[in-house]
């Protein structure tokens, strides 16, 4: 069951320099207008857009390797009309619940899964084939022996109109405590994942970027194995380790009170990438 709380969501364009390392999110210039990518064709997204996302994340975080491995398109209108992506899945609605995409358990488990042949539910199955793996097993073994990995979403609007309806709110990772975390299981056909939901905490600090357009993208940290919360297995918050990167950022779609009734619907895509350091 969910509880609804009214919170202040601050304008992050107003002199704030949030970073992926400390707050868990970062706005970047990423103009793709001239590329004419058809985001509603799964094959085009996998072959043409995934490499761009992996390169953008790699450039931003300085990882030695980045792999894009999953994506979702979200729209309230698309969800209601049951719009299907060519060769892919159905459009999903904006997620109006505060959450993090991975947990202490599911983040390293997802890394391990990506070093094995893809399952029935894996988006990359059609890209790499049934007998191959996205990440070489030797890379995962290296990470398991003290290396660092991070899961980062690249989120953007995929239509010409700027985002006004159901924009995305992001929580400063440094304001999250271990007691705020609630584990939620996600059951797929071939695996079980975990997300974090959030307990309400008035100390959370929320931000959003008004009217995001297709010339920019949001990088959102979903997990970082070097984060303080991650390294202490959830015993201590990131704020206890000011020199370390943060672990993840809670996020959620929200209803922005000043949004005009006639505002166009949000059509967004998030691409999940895994970075190896």
C-alpha atoms as a PDB file:
ATOM      1  CA  UNK A   1       0.000   0.000   0.000  1.00  0.00           C
ATOM      2  CA  UNK A   2       1.150   3.531  -0.792  1.00  0.00           C
ATOM      3  CA  UNK A   3       0.841   6.717   1.214  1.00  0.00           C
ATOM      4  CA  UNK A   4       0.648  10.043  -0.590  1.00  0.00           C
ATOM      5  CA  UNK A   5       2.665  12.967   0.746  1.00  0.00           C
ATOM      6  CA  UNK A   6       2.909  16.472  -0.604  1.00  0.00           C
ATOM      7  CA  UNK A   7       6.532  17.553  -0.980  1.00  0.00           C
ATOM      8  CA  UNK A   8       8.398  20.464  -2.515  1.00  0.00           C
ATOM      9  CA  UNK A   9      10.098  19.598  -5.809  1.00  0.00           C
ATOM     10  CA  UNK A  10      12.704  22.262  -6.559  1.00  0.00           C
ATOM     11  CA  UNK A  11      13.654  23.655  -9.966  1.00  0.00           C
ATOM     12  CA  UNK A  12      17.089  22.177 -10.678  1.00  0.00           C
ATOM     13  CA  UNK A  13      17.669  24.651 -13.513  1.00  0.00           C
ATOM     14  CA  UNK A  14      17.795  27.472 -10.976  1.00  0.00           C
ATOM     15  CA  UNK A  15      21.514  27.602 -10.217  1.00  0.00           C
ATOM     16  CA  UNK A  16      21.922  24.000  -9.020  1.00  0.00           C
ATOM     17  CA  UNK A  17      24.805  21.829 -10.255  1.00  0.00           C
ATOM     18  CA  UNK A  18      23.725  18.313  -9.345  1.00  0.00           C
ATOM     19  CA  UNK A  19      26.208  15.575 -10.248  1.00  0.00           C
ATOM     20  CA  UNK A  20      25.922  11.864 -10.817  1.00  0.00           C
ATOM     21  CA  UNK A  21      28.703  11.260  -8.271  1.00  0.00           C
ATOM     22  CA  UNK A  22      27.163  13.123  -5.335  1.00  0.00           C
ATOM     23  CA  UNK A  23      23.419  13.634  -5.866  1.00  0.00           C
ATOM     24  CA  UNK A  24      22.923  10.623  -8.151  1.00  0.00           C
ATOM     25  CA  UNK A  25      21.622  12.517 -11.195  1.00  0.00           C
ATOM     26  CA  UNK A  26      22.981  14.924 -13.768  1.00  0.00           C
ATOM     27  CA  UNK A  27      21.602  16.808 -16.775  1.00  0.00           C
ATOM     28  CA  UNK A  28      23.797  16.586 -19.882  1.00  0.00           C
ATOM     29  CA  UNK A  29      23.679  18.067 -23.364  1.00  0.00           C
ATOM     30  CA  UNK A  30      22.897  15.268 -25.797  1.00  0.00           C
ATOM     31  CA  UNK A  31      21.415  16.632 -29.005  1.00  0.00           C
ATOM     32  CA  UNK A  32      20.119  13.853 -31.246  1.00  0.00           C
ATOM     33  CA  UNK A  33      17.696  15.923 -33.324  1.00  0.00           C
ATOM     34  CA  UNK A  34      19.630  15.413 -36.574  1.00  0.00           C
ATOM     35  CA  UNK A  35      19.806  11.615 -36.208  1.00  0.00           C
ATOM     36  CA  UNK A  36      16.103  10.973 -36.895  1.00  0.00           C
ATOM     37  CA  UNK A  37      15.974   7.892 -34.670  1.00  0.00           C
ATOM     38  CA  UNK A  38      12.692   5.982 -34.736  1.00  0.00           C
ATOM     39  CA  UNK A  39      12.262   5.264 -31.030  1.00  0.00           C
ATOM     40  CA  UNK A  40       9.173   3.168 -31.726  1.00  0.00           C
ATOM     41  CA  UNK A  41      11.135   0.530 -33.662  1.00  0.00           C
ATOM     42  CA  UNK A  42      12.855  -1.891 -31.288  1.00  0.00           C
ATOM     43  CA  UNK A  43      15.484  -2.966 -33.820  1.00  0.00           C
ATOM     44  CA  UNK A  44      16.472   0.638 -34.530  1.00  0.00           C
ATOM     45  CA  UNK A  45      16.764   1.394 -30.812  1.00  0.00           C
ATOM     46  CA  UNK A  46      18.922  -1.671 -30.115  1.00  0.00           C
ATOM     47  CA  UNK A  47      21.295  -1.217 -33.050  1.00  0.00           C
ATOM     48  CA  UNK A  48      21.437   2.571 -33.429  1.00  0.00           C
ATOM     49  CA  UNK A  49      20.500   4.167 -30.106  1.00  0.00           C
ATOM     50  CA  UNK A  50      22.013   1.768 -27.554  1.00  0.00           C
ATOM     51  CA  UNK A  51      25.593   2.463 -28.747  1.00  0.00           C
ATOM     52  CA  UNK A  52      24.988   6.219 -28.457  1.00  0.00           C
ATOM     53  CA  UNK A  53      23.744   5.825 -24.883  1.00  0.00           C
ATOM     54  CA  UNK A  54      26.680   3.620 -23.906  1.00  0.00           C
ATOM     55  CA  UNK A  55      29.139   6.128 -25.378  1.00  0.00           C
ATOM     56  CA  UNK A  56      27.449   9.080 -23.623  1.00  0.00           C
ATOM     57  CA  UNK A  57      27.528   7.344 -20.242  1.00  0.00           C
ATOM     58  CA  UNK A  58      31.130   6.221 -20.744  1.00  0.00           C
ATOM     59  CA  UNK A  59      32.188   9.763 -21.592  1.00  0.00           C
ATOM     60  CA  UNK A  60      30.360  11.171 -18.564  1.00  0.00           C
ATOM     61  CA  UNK A  61      31.613   8.750 -15.890  1.00  0.00           C
ATOM     62  CA  UNK A  62      35.043   7.734 -17.208  1.00  0.00           C
ATOM     63  CA  UNK A  63      34.329   4.001 -17.141  1.00  0.00           C
ATOM     64  CA  UNK A  64      36.538   1.569 -19.054  1.00  0.00           C
ATOM     65  CA  UNK A  65      33.481  -0.155 -20.543  1.00  0.00           C
ATOM     66  CA  UNK A  66      29.739   0.561 -20.713  1.00  0.00           C
ATOM     67  CA  UNK A  67      26.986  -1.739 -21.985  1.00  0.00           C
ATOM     68  CA  UNK A  68      23.379  -0.692 -22.710  1.00  0.00           C
ATOM     69  CA  UNK A  69      21.051  -3.578 -21.895  1.00  0.00           C
ATOM     70  CA  UNK A  70      17.389  -2.567 -21.505  1.00  0.00           C
ATOM     71  CA  UNK A  71      14.908   0.225 -22.159  1.00  0.00           C
ATOM     72  CA  UNK A  72      11.329   1.386 -21.618  1.00  0.00           C
ATOM     73  CA  UNK A  73       9.113   3.939 -23.341  1.00  0.00           C
ATOM     74  CA  UNK A  74       6.659   5.667 -21.005  1.00  0.00           C
ATOM     75  CA  UNK A  75       3.525   7.648 -21.786  1.00  0.00           C
ATOM     76  CA  UNK A  76       0.147   7.849 -20.057  1.00  0.00           C
ATOM     77  CA  UNK A  77      -1.618   8.111 -23.434  1.00  0.00           C
ATOM     78  CA  UNK A  78       0.485   5.288 -24.887  1.00  0.00           C
ATOM     79  CA  UNK A  79      -0.277   3.075 -21.905  1.00  0.00           C
ATOM     80  CA  UNK A  80      -4.011   3.783 -22.128  1.00  0.00           C
ATOM     81  CA  UNK A  81      -4.120   3.052 -25.870  1.00  0.00           C
ATOM     82  CA  UNK A  82      -1.944  -0.080 -25.430  1.00  0.00           C
ATOM     83  CA  UNK A  83       0.504   1.167 -28.041  1.00  0.00           C
ATOM     84  CA  UNK A  84       3.046  -1.465 -29.036  1.00  0.00           C
ATOM     85  CA  UNK A  85       6.642  -0.871 -30.081  1.00  0.00           C
ATOM     86  CA  UNK A  86       7.484  -2.448 -33.442  1.00  0.00           C
ATOM     87  CA  UNK A  87       9.288  -5.674 -32.604  1.00  0.00           C
ATOM     88  CA  UNK A  88       9.186  -4.881 -28.887  1.00  0.00           C
ATOM     89  CA  UNK A  89       6.982  -4.429 -25.854  1.00  0.00           C
ATOM     90  CA  UNK A  90       3.996  -2.301 -24.947  1.00  0.00           C
ATOM     91  CA  UNK A  91       4.432   1.323 -23.898  1.00  0.00           C
ATOM     92  CA  UNK A  92       4.372   1.706 -20.111  1.00  0.00           C
ATOM     93  CA  UNK A  93       2.878   4.507 -18.072  1.00  0.00           C
ATOM     94  CA  UNK A  94       4.887   7.015 -16.013  1.00  0.00           C
ATOM     95  CA  UNK A  95       5.839   5.479 -12.658  1.00  0.00           C
ATOM     96  CA  UNK A  96       4.102   7.538  -9.949  1.00  0.00           C
ATOM     97  CA  UNK A  97       5.806   5.827  -7.012  1.00  0.00           C
ATOM     98  CA  UNK A  98       9.128   6.742  -5.438  1.00  0.00           C
ATOM     99  CA  UNK A  99      11.562   3.947  -6.232  1.00  0.00           C
ATOM    100  CA  UNK A 100      15.088   2.849  -7.065  1.00  0.00           C
ATOM    101  CA  UNK A 101      15.572   0.309  -9.843  1.00  0.00           C
ATOM    102  CA  UNK A 102      18.052  -1.981  -8.031  1.00  0.00           C
ATOM    103  CA  UNK A 103      18.986  -3.174  -4.536  1.00  0.00           C
ATOM    104  CA  UNK A 104      21.931  -4.631  -2.642  1.00  0.00           C
ATOM    105  CA  UNK A 105      20.862  -8.019  -3.980  1.00  0.00           C
ATOM    106  CA  UNK A 106      19.506  -7.317  -7.451  1.00  0.00           C
ATOM    107  CA  UNK A 107      22.288  -5.011  -8.712  1.00  0.00           C
ATOM    108  CA  UNK A 108      25.163  -7.547  -8.481  1.00  0.00           C
ATOM    109  CA  UNK A 109      22.757 -10.287  -9.586  1.00  0.00           C
ATOM    110  CA  UNK A 110      21.916  -8.311 -12.739  1.00  0.00           C
ATOM    111  CA  UNK A 111      25.622  -7.891 -13.481  1.00  0.00           C
ATOM    112  CA  UNK A 112      26.080 -11.648 -13.200  1.00  0.00           C
ATOM    113  CA  UNK A 113      23.047 -12.342 -15.407  1.00  0.00           C
ATOM    114  CA  UNK A 114      24.420 -10.105 -18.152  1.00  0.00           C
ATOM    115  CA  UNK A 115      27.553 -12.273 -18.306  1.00  0.00           C
ATOM    116  CA  UNK A 116      25.371 -15.249 -19.258  1.00  0.00           C
ATOM    117  CA  UNK A 117      23.177 -15.944 -22.316  1.00  0.00           C
ATOM    118  CA  UNK A 118      20.063 -13.721 -22.206  1.00  0.00           C
ATOM    119  CA  UNK A 119      16.813 -14.982 -20.735  1.00  0.00           C
ATOM    120  CA  UNK A 120      13.410 -14.944 -22.407  1.00  0.00           C
ATOM    121  CA  UNK A 121      12.581 -11.559 -20.897  1.00  0.00           C
ATOM    122  CA  UNK A 122      15.853  -9.826 -21.849  1.00  0.00           C
ATOM    123  CA  UNK A 123      15.543  -6.996 -24.375  1.00  0.00           C
ATOM    124  CA  UNK A 124      19.050  -7.701 -25.709  1.00  0.00           C
ATOM    125  CA  UNK A 125      18.163 -11.274 -26.686  1.00  0.00           C
ATOM    126  CA  UNK A 126      17.509 -10.257 -30.299  1.00  0.00           C
ATOM    127  CA  UNK A 127      20.686  -8.170 -30.379  1.00  0.00           C
ATOM    128  CA  UNK A 128      23.307 -10.662 -29.203  1.00  0.00           C
ATOM    129  CA  UNK A 129      21.622 -14.004 -29.864  1.00  0.00           C
ATOM    130  CA  UNK A 130      20.734 -16.843 -27.524  1.00  0.00           C
ATOM    131  CA  UNK A 131      24.181 -18.366 -27.013  1.00  0.00           C
ATOM    132  CA  UNK A 132      26.239 -15.234 -26.330  1.00  0.00           C
ATOM    133  CA  UNK A 133      26.509 -12.877 -23.372  1.00  0.00           C
ATOM    134  CA  UNK A 134      26.509  -9.094 -23.374  1.00  0.00           C
ATOM    135  CA  UNK A 135      29.389  -8.851 -20.889  1.00  0.00           C
ATOM    136  CA  UNK A 136      32.363 -11.262 -21.020  1.00  0.00           C
ATOM    137  CA  UNK A 137      32.391 -13.468 -17.877  1.00  0.00           C
ATOM    138  CA  UNK A 138      36.022 -12.476 -17.263  1.00  0.00           C
ATOM    139  CA  UNK A 139      34.878  -8.862 -16.808  1.00  0.00           C
ATOM    140  CA  UNK A 140      32.411  -9.870 -14.104  1.00  0.00           C
ATOM    141  CA  UNK A 141      35.052 -11.968 -12.374  1.00  0.00           C
ATOM    142  CA  UNK A 142      37.322  -8.932 -12.311  1.00  0.00           C
ATOM    143  CA  UNK A 143      34.544  -6.809 -10.777  1.00  0.00           C
ATOM    144  CA  UNK A 144      33.862  -9.536  -8.203  1.00  0.00           C
ATOM    145  CA  UNK A 145      37.490  -9.315  -7.077  1.00  0.00           C
ATOM    146  CA  UNK A 146      37.221  -5.739  -5.870  1.00  0.00           C
ATOM    147  CA  UNK A 147      36.238  -3.833  -9.003  1.00  0.00           C
ATOM    148  CA  UNK A 148      33.565  -1.175  -9.294  1.00  0.00           C
ATOM    149  CA  UNK A 149      30.404  -1.237 -11.366  1.00  0.00           C
ATOM    150  CA  UNK A 150      27.478   1.142 -11.697  1.00  0.00           C
ATOM    151  CA  UNK A 151      24.046   0.953 -13.319  1.00  0.00           C
ATOM    152  CA  UNK A 152      23.000   4.244 -14.886  1.00  0.00           C
ATOM    153  CA  UNK A 153      19.839   5.176 -16.781  1.00  0.00           C
ATOM    154  CA  UNK A 154      19.896   7.641 -19.655  1.00  0.00           C
ATOM    155  CA  UNK A 155      16.445   9.283 -19.636  1.00  0.00           C
ATOM    156  CA  UNK A 156      15.103  11.655 -22.265  1.00  0.00           C
ATOM    157  CA  UNK A 157      12.065  12.984 -24.073  1.00  0.00           C
ATOM    158  CA  UNK A 158      11.608  11.288 -27.454  1.00  0.00           C
ATOM    159  CA  UNK A 159       9.101  13.696 -29.020  1.00  0.00           C
ATOM    160  CA  UNK A 160       9.592  17.302 -30.214  1.00  0.00           C
ATOM    161  CA  UNK A 161       7.488  18.794 -27.413  1.00  0.00           C
ATOM    162  CA  UNK A 162       9.246  19.513 -24.091  1.00  0.00           C
ATOM    163  CA  UNK A 163       8.223  17.496 -21.039  1.00  0.00           C
ATOM    164  CA  UNK A 164       5.448  19.220 -19.084  1.00  0.00           C
ATOM    165  CA  UNK A 165       3.040  16.439 -18.128  1.00  0.00           C
ATOM    166  CA  UNK A 166       4.248  13.947 -15.489  1.00  0.00           C
ATOM    167  CA  UNK A 167       7.848  15.217 -15.240  1.00  0.00           C
ATOM    168  CA  UNK A 168      10.485  13.232 -13.377  1.00  0.00           C
ATOM    169  CA  UNK A 169      11.438  14.107  -9.787  1.00  0.00           C
ATOM    170  CA  UNK A 170      14.832  13.068  -8.426  1.00  0.00           C
ATOM    171  CA  UNK A 171      15.941  12.722  -4.815  1.00  0.00           C
ATOM    172  CA  UNK A 172      19.366  13.869  -3.637  1.00  0.00           C
ATOM    173  CA  UNK A 173      21.114  10.592  -2.751  1.00  0.00           C
ATOM    174  CA  UNK A 174      22.953  12.203   0.153  1.00  0.00           C
ATOM    175  CA  UNK A 175      19.630  12.697   1.973  1.00  0.00           C
ATOM    176  CA  UNK A 176      18.594   9.019   1.902  1.00  0.00           C
ATOM    177  CA  UNK A 177      18.986   6.793   4.972  1.00  0.00           C
ATOM    178  CA  UNK A 178      19.011   2.975   5.130  1.00  0.00           C
ATOM    179  CA  UNK A 179      15.762   3.083   7.136  1.00  0.00           C
ATOM    180  CA  UNK A 180      14.058   4.696   4.121  1.00  0.00           C
ATOM    181  CA  UNK A 181      14.441   1.558   1.977  1.00  0.00           C
ATOM    182  CA  UNK A 182      11.676  -0.981   1.354  1.00  0.00           C
ATOM    183  CA  UNK A 183      12.522  -4.019  -0.801  1.00  0.00           C
ATOM    184  CA  UNK A 184       9.963  -4.942  -3.444  1.00  0.00           C
ATOM    185  CA  UNK A 185      10.207  -8.090  -5.575  1.00  0.00           C
ATOM    186  CA  UNK A 186       9.522  -7.930  -9.323  1.00  0.00           C
ATOM    187  CA  UNK A 187       8.574 -11.283 -10.849  1.00  0.00           C
ATOM    188  CA  UNK A 188       9.513 -11.814 -14.492  1.00  0.00           C
ATOM    189  CA  UNK A 189       8.915 -14.912 -16.595  1.00  0.00           C
ATOM    190  CA  UNK A 190      12.502 -16.102 -16.212  1.00  0.00           C
ATOM    191  CA  UNK A 191      13.852 -14.316 -13.122  1.00  0.00           C
ATOM    192  CA  UNK A 192      12.986 -12.377  -9.976  1.00  0.00           C
ATOM    193  CA  UNK A 193      14.269  -8.840  -9.576  1.00  0.00           C
ATOM    194  CA  UNK A 194      14.179  -6.374  -6.689  1.00  0.00           C
ATOM    195  CA  UNK A 195      13.491  -2.657  -6.484  1.00  0.00           C
ATOM    196  CA  UNK A 196      13.565  -0.254  -3.575  1.00  0.00           C
ATOM    197  CA  UNK A 197      10.463   1.671  -2.637  1.00  0.00           C
ATOM    198  CA  UNK A 198      10.822   4.574  -0.210  1.00  0.00           C
ATOM    199  CA  UNK A 199       9.414   5.384   3.184  1.00  0.00           C
ATOM    200  CA  UNK A 200       8.428   9.004   3.501  1.00  0.00           C
ATOM    201  CA  UNK A 201      11.203  11.110   4.981  1.00  0.00           C
ATOM    202  CA  UNK A 202      10.780  14.901   5.321  1.00  0.00           C
ATOM    203  CA  UNK A 203      14.563  15.254   5.015  1.00  0.00           C
ATOM    204  CA  UNK A 204      14.514  14.051   1.413  1.00  0.00           C
ATOM    205  CA  UNK A 205      15.451  16.798  -1.028  1.00  0.00           C
ATOM    206  CA  UNK A 206      13.657  16.654  -4.400  1.00  0.00           C
ATOM    207  CA  UNK A 207      14.530  18.255  -7.755  1.00  0.00           C
ATOM    208  CA  UNK A 208      13.340  18.304 -11.354  1.00  0.00           C
ATOM    209  CA  UNK A 209      14.337  19.862 -14.677  1.00  0.00           C
ATOM    210  CA  UNK A 210      11.366  21.729 -16.181  1.00  0.00           C
ATOM    211  CA  UNK A 211      10.560  21.343 -19.879  1.00  0.00           C
ATOM    212  CA  UNK A 212      13.264  18.866 -20.797  1.00  0.00           C
ATOM    213  CA  UNK A 213      13.663  18.541 -24.558  1.00  0.00           C
ATOM    214  CA  UNK A 214      15.314  16.153 -26.999  1.00  0.00           C
ATOM    215  CA  UNK A 215      18.613  18.042 -27.003  1.00  0.00           C
ATOM    216  CA  UNK A 216      19.351  17.017 -23.403  1.00  0.00           C
ATOM    217  CA  UNK A 217      19.295  13.882 -21.290  1.00  0.00           C
ATOM    218  CA  UNK A 218      19.253  12.910 -17.638  1.00  0.00           C
ATOM    219  CA  UNK A 219      21.774  10.464 -16.249  1.00  0.00           C
ATOM    220  CA  UNK A 220      20.255   8.746 -13.207  1.00  0.00           C
ATOM    221  CA  UNK A 221      22.318   6.488 -10.985  1.00  0.00           C
ATOM    222  CA  UNK A 222      20.506   3.258 -10.158  1.00  0.00           C
ATOM    223  CA  UNK A 223      23.386   1.609  -8.324  1.00  0.00           C
ATOM    224  CA  UNK A 224      27.084   2.147  -7.603  1.00  0.00           C
ATOM    225  CA  UNK A 225      29.060  -0.577  -5.860  1.00  0.00           C
ATOM    226  CA  UNK A 226      31.464   2.061  -4.494  1.00  0.00           C
ATOM    227  CA  UNK A 227      28.723   4.045  -2.763  1.00  0.00           C
ATOM    228  CA  UNK A 228      28.816   4.229   1.010  1.00  0.00           C
ATOM    229  CA  UNK A 229      25.424   2.593   1.424  1.00  0.00           C
ATOM    230  CA  UNK A 230      26.434  -0.195  -0.972  1.00  0.00           C
ATOM    231  CA  UNK A 231      29.828  -0.831   0.634  1.00  0.00           C
ATOM    232  CA  UNK A 232      28.332  -1.079   4.130  1.00  0.00           C
ATOM    233  CA  UNK A 233      25.622  -3.473   2.896  1.00  0.00           C
ATOM    234  CA  UNK A 234      22.930  -0.949   3.752  1.00  0.00           C
ATOM    235  CA  UNK A 235      24.127  -0.249   7.293  1.00  0.00           C
ATOM    236  CA  UNK A 236      25.175   3.381   6.771  1.00  0.00           C
ATOM    237  CA  UNK A 237      23.978   6.202   4.502  1.00  0.00           C
ATOM    238  CA  UNK A 238      26.004   7.737   1.701  1.00  0.00           C
ATOM    239  CA  UNK A 239      26.224  10.935   3.765  1.00  0.00           C
ATOM    240  CA  UNK A 240      28.599   9.143   6.166  1.00  0.00           C
ATOM    241  CA  UNK A 241      31.152   8.858   3.346  1.00  0.00           C
ATOM    242  CA  UNK A 242      31.519  12.347   1.815  1.00  0.00           C
ATOM    243  CA  UNK A 243      34.578  11.346  -0.241  1.00  0.00           C
ATOM    244  CA  UNK A 244      32.841   8.348  -1.848  1.00  0.00           C
ATOM    245  CA  UNK A 245      30.339   8.402  -4.711  1.00  0.00           C
ATOM    246  CA  UNK A 246      26.663   8.063  -3.866  1.00  0.00           C
ATOM    247  CA  UNK A 247      24.893   4.722  -4.277  1.00  0.00           C
ATOM    248  CA  UNK A 248      21.628   5.597  -6.074  1.00  0.00           C
ATOM    249  CA  UNK A 249      18.900   8.199  -6.524  1.00  0.00           C
ATOM    250  CA  UNK A 250      15.232   7.640  -5.742  1.00  0.00           C
ATOM    251  CA  UNK A 251      12.997   8.982  -8.512  1.00  0.00           C
ATOM    252  CA  UNK A 252       9.336   9.221  -9.505  1.00  0.00           C
ATOM    253  CA  UNK A 253       6.997  10.875 -11.960  1.00  0.00           C
ATOM    254  CA  UNK A 254       4.896  13.583 -10.306  1.00  0.00           C
ATOM    255  CA  UNK A 255       2.064  15.991 -10.981  1.00  0.00           C
ATOM    256  CA  UNK A 256       3.487  19.486 -11.335  1.00  0.00           C
ATOM    257  CA  UNK A 257       0.760  21.949 -10.241  1.00  0.00           C
ATOM    258  CA  UNK A 258       1.536  24.597 -12.863  1.00  0.00           C
ATOM    259  CA  UNK A 259       1.258  22.194 -15.813  1.00  0.00           C
ATOM    260  CA  UNK A 260      -1.400  23.517 -18.232  1.00  0.00           C
ATOM    261  CA  UNK A 261      -4.382  21.249 -18.854  1.00  0.00           C
ATOM    262  CA  UNK A 262      -3.644  21.359 -22.582  1.00  0.00           C
ATOM    263  CA  UNK A 263       0.017  20.332 -22.164  1.00  0.00           C
ATOM    264  CA  UNK A 264       1.080  17.466 -24.447  1.00  0.00           C
ATOM    265  CA  UNK A 265       1.582  14.040 -22.948  1.00  0.00           C
ATOM    266  CA  UNK A 266       5.057  12.991 -21.898  1.00  0.00           C
ATOM    267  CA  UNK A 267       6.766  10.456 -24.146  1.00  0.00           C
ATOM    268  CA  UNK A 268      10.066   9.428 -22.580  1.00  0.00           C
ATOM    269  CA  UNK A 269      12.589   6.633 -22.880  1.00  0.00           C
ATOM    270  CA  UNK A 270      15.023   5.344 -20.299  1.00  0.00           C
ATOM    271  CA  UNK A 271      17.924   3.146 -21.394  1.00  0.00           C
ATOM    272  CA  UNK A 272      19.680   1.136 -18.695  1.00  0.00           C
ATOM    273  CA  UNK A 273      23.454   0.983 -18.954  1.00  0.00           C
ATOM    274  CA  UNK A 274      26.004  -0.861 -16.843  1.00  0.00           C
ATOM    275  CA  UNK A 275      29.420   0.751 -16.397  1.00  0.00           C
ATOM    276  CA  UNK A 276      32.575  -1.147 -15.446  1.00  0.00           C
ATOM    277  CA  UNK A 277      35.535   0.677 -13.905  1.00  0.00           C
END
